């Protein structure tokens, strides 16, 4: 099962946000098939340092269903990361343009 997305943030952030694959996978397991045999989700081990609540995985390499509502189904970013990488005028992008700020 795979749900495509249009963002530039890796899909694992949306997977754990509850926005696509992980929620569908949980629904399939709990209410439909009762098996995880054919469910495979993408995990990318980068960008985690920008998010307040990171996903957790168990020792079998599966996402844990969060017991805390903020733990794992959130794509909330640190304010510092937003200030740095927000398009088009985050400090990263302004620096890449030699200090030029774009009007929005």
Protein backbone atom coordinates (compact mmCIF):
# COMPACT_ATOMS: atom_id res chain seq x y z
CA UNK A 1 0.00 0.00 0.00
CA UNK A 2 1.42 3.41 -0.91
CA UNK A 3 -0.14 6.84 -0.99
CA UNK A 4 1.72 9.49 -2.96
CA UNK A 5 2.11 13.05 -1.73
CA UNK A 6 3.04 16.36 -3.36
CA UNK A 7 5.26 17.82 -0.62
CA UNK A 8 9.02 18.15 -0.44
CA UNK A 9 9.11 16.67 3.09
CA UNK A 10 9.85 12.97 3.12
CA UNK A 11 6.78 10.76 3.11
CA UNK A 12 7.63 9.27 6.52
CA UNK A 13 6.64 12.58 8.15
CA UNK A 14 3.19 12.24 6.62
CA UNK A 15 3.05 8.55 7.36
CA UNK A 16 3.50 9.18 11.04
CA UNK A 17 1.26 12.25 10.95
CA UNK A 18 -1.70 10.03 10.25
CA UNK A 19 -2.11 11.72 6.89
CA UNK A 20 -1.85 8.60 4.77
CA UNK A 21 -0.23 5.17 4.88
CA UNK A 22 0.06 4.43 8.60
CA UNK A 23 -3.58 5.17 9.35
CA UNK A 24 -4.70 3.06 6.42
CA UNK A 25 -2.37 0.29 7.55
CA UNK A 26 -3.77 0.36 11.11
CA UNK A 27 -7.37 0.36 9.83
CA UNK A 28 -6.57 -2.56 7.53
CA UNK A 29 -4.97 -4.54 10.36
CA UNK A 30 -7.59 -3.81 13.04
CA UNK A 31 -10.82 -3.79 11.03
CA UNK A 32 -10.27 -5.63 7.75
CA UNK A 33 -7.49 -8.17 7.25
CA UNK A 34 -6.12 -8.87 10.74
CA UNK A 35 -2.66 -9.33 9.27
CA UNK A 36 0.37 -7.15 8.57
CA UNK A 37 1.76 -9.64 6.05
CA UNK A 38 1.42 -7.43 2.97
CA UNK A 39 1.73 -3.99 4.62
CA UNK A 40 5.03 -2.29 3.94
CA UNK A 41 5.63 1.36 4.87
CA UNK A 42 8.54 3.58 3.90
CA UNK A 43 10.93 4.81 6.61
CA UNK A 44 13.55 7.44 5.88
CA UNK A 45 16.01 8.09 8.67
CA UNK A 46 16.57 11.79 8.05
CA UNK A 47 14.93 15.14 8.86
CA UNK A 48 13.78 13.88 12.26
CA UNK A 49 15.74 16.61 14.03
CA UNK A 50 13.28 19.21 12.71
CA UNK A 51 10.15 17.72 14.29
CA UNK A 52 8.87 17.99 17.87
CA UNK A 53 7.37 14.50 18.06
CA UNK A 54 9.29 11.78 16.29
CA UNK A 55 7.89 8.45 15.28
CA UNK A 56 8.96 5.36 17.14
CA UNK A 57 9.56 1.91 15.77
CA UNK A 58 9.60 -1.41 17.56
CA UNK A 59 12.35 -4.03 17.48
CA UNK A 60 10.68 -5.74 14.48
CA UNK A 61 11.00 -2.57 12.37
CA UNK A 62 7.34 -1.59 12.55
CA UNK A 63 5.90 1.79 13.44
CA UNK A 64 4.40 1.93 16.91
CA UNK A 65 0.84 3.16 17.16
CA UNK A 66 1.16 6.22 19.41
CA UNK A 67 -0.38 6.08 22.87
CA UNK A 68 0.15 9.82 23.31
CA UNK A 69 -1.78 11.92 20.74
CA UNK A 70 1.29 14.12 20.18
CA UNK A 71 3.68 11.20 19.83
CA UNK A 72 4.01 10.23 16.20
CA UNK A 73 0.89 11.48 14.45
CA UNK A 74 2.24 15.01 14.31
CA UNK A 75 4.23 16.86 11.71
CA UNK A 76 4.74 19.87 14.00
CA UNK A 77 8.15 21.39 13.34
CA UNK A 78 10.44 23.36 15.65
CA UNK A 79 10.02 27.12 15.14
CA UNK A 80 13.75 27.39 14.47
CA UNK A 81 13.54 24.88 11.62
CA UNK A 82 10.62 26.73 10.07
CA UNK A 83 12.47 30.05 10.33
CA UNK A 84 15.45 28.48 8.59
CA UNK A 85 13.79 26.42 5.85
CA UNK A 86 10.43 28.03 5.10
CA UNK A 87 10.12 28.80 1.39
CA UNK A 88 10.89 31.33 0.01
CA UNK A 89 12.29 33.55 2.74
CA UNK A 90 13.70 31.21 5.38
CA UNK A 91 17.30 32.03 6.29
CA UNK A 92 18.59 29.03 4.32
CA UNK A 93 16.97 30.19 1.07
CA UNK A 94 17.82 33.86 1.59
CA UNK A 95 21.44 32.87 2.16
CA UNK A 96 21.41 30.74 -0.98
CA UNK A 97 20.26 33.81 -2.95
CA UNK A 98 23.02 36.00 -1.53
CA UNK A 99 20.74 37.79 0.95
CA UNK A 100 17.93 38.63 -1.48
CA UNK A 101 14.45 38.40 0.09
CA UNK A 102 11.59 37.57 -2.29
CA UNK A 103 8.26 39.36 -1.97
CA UNK A 104 5.35 37.02 -1.33
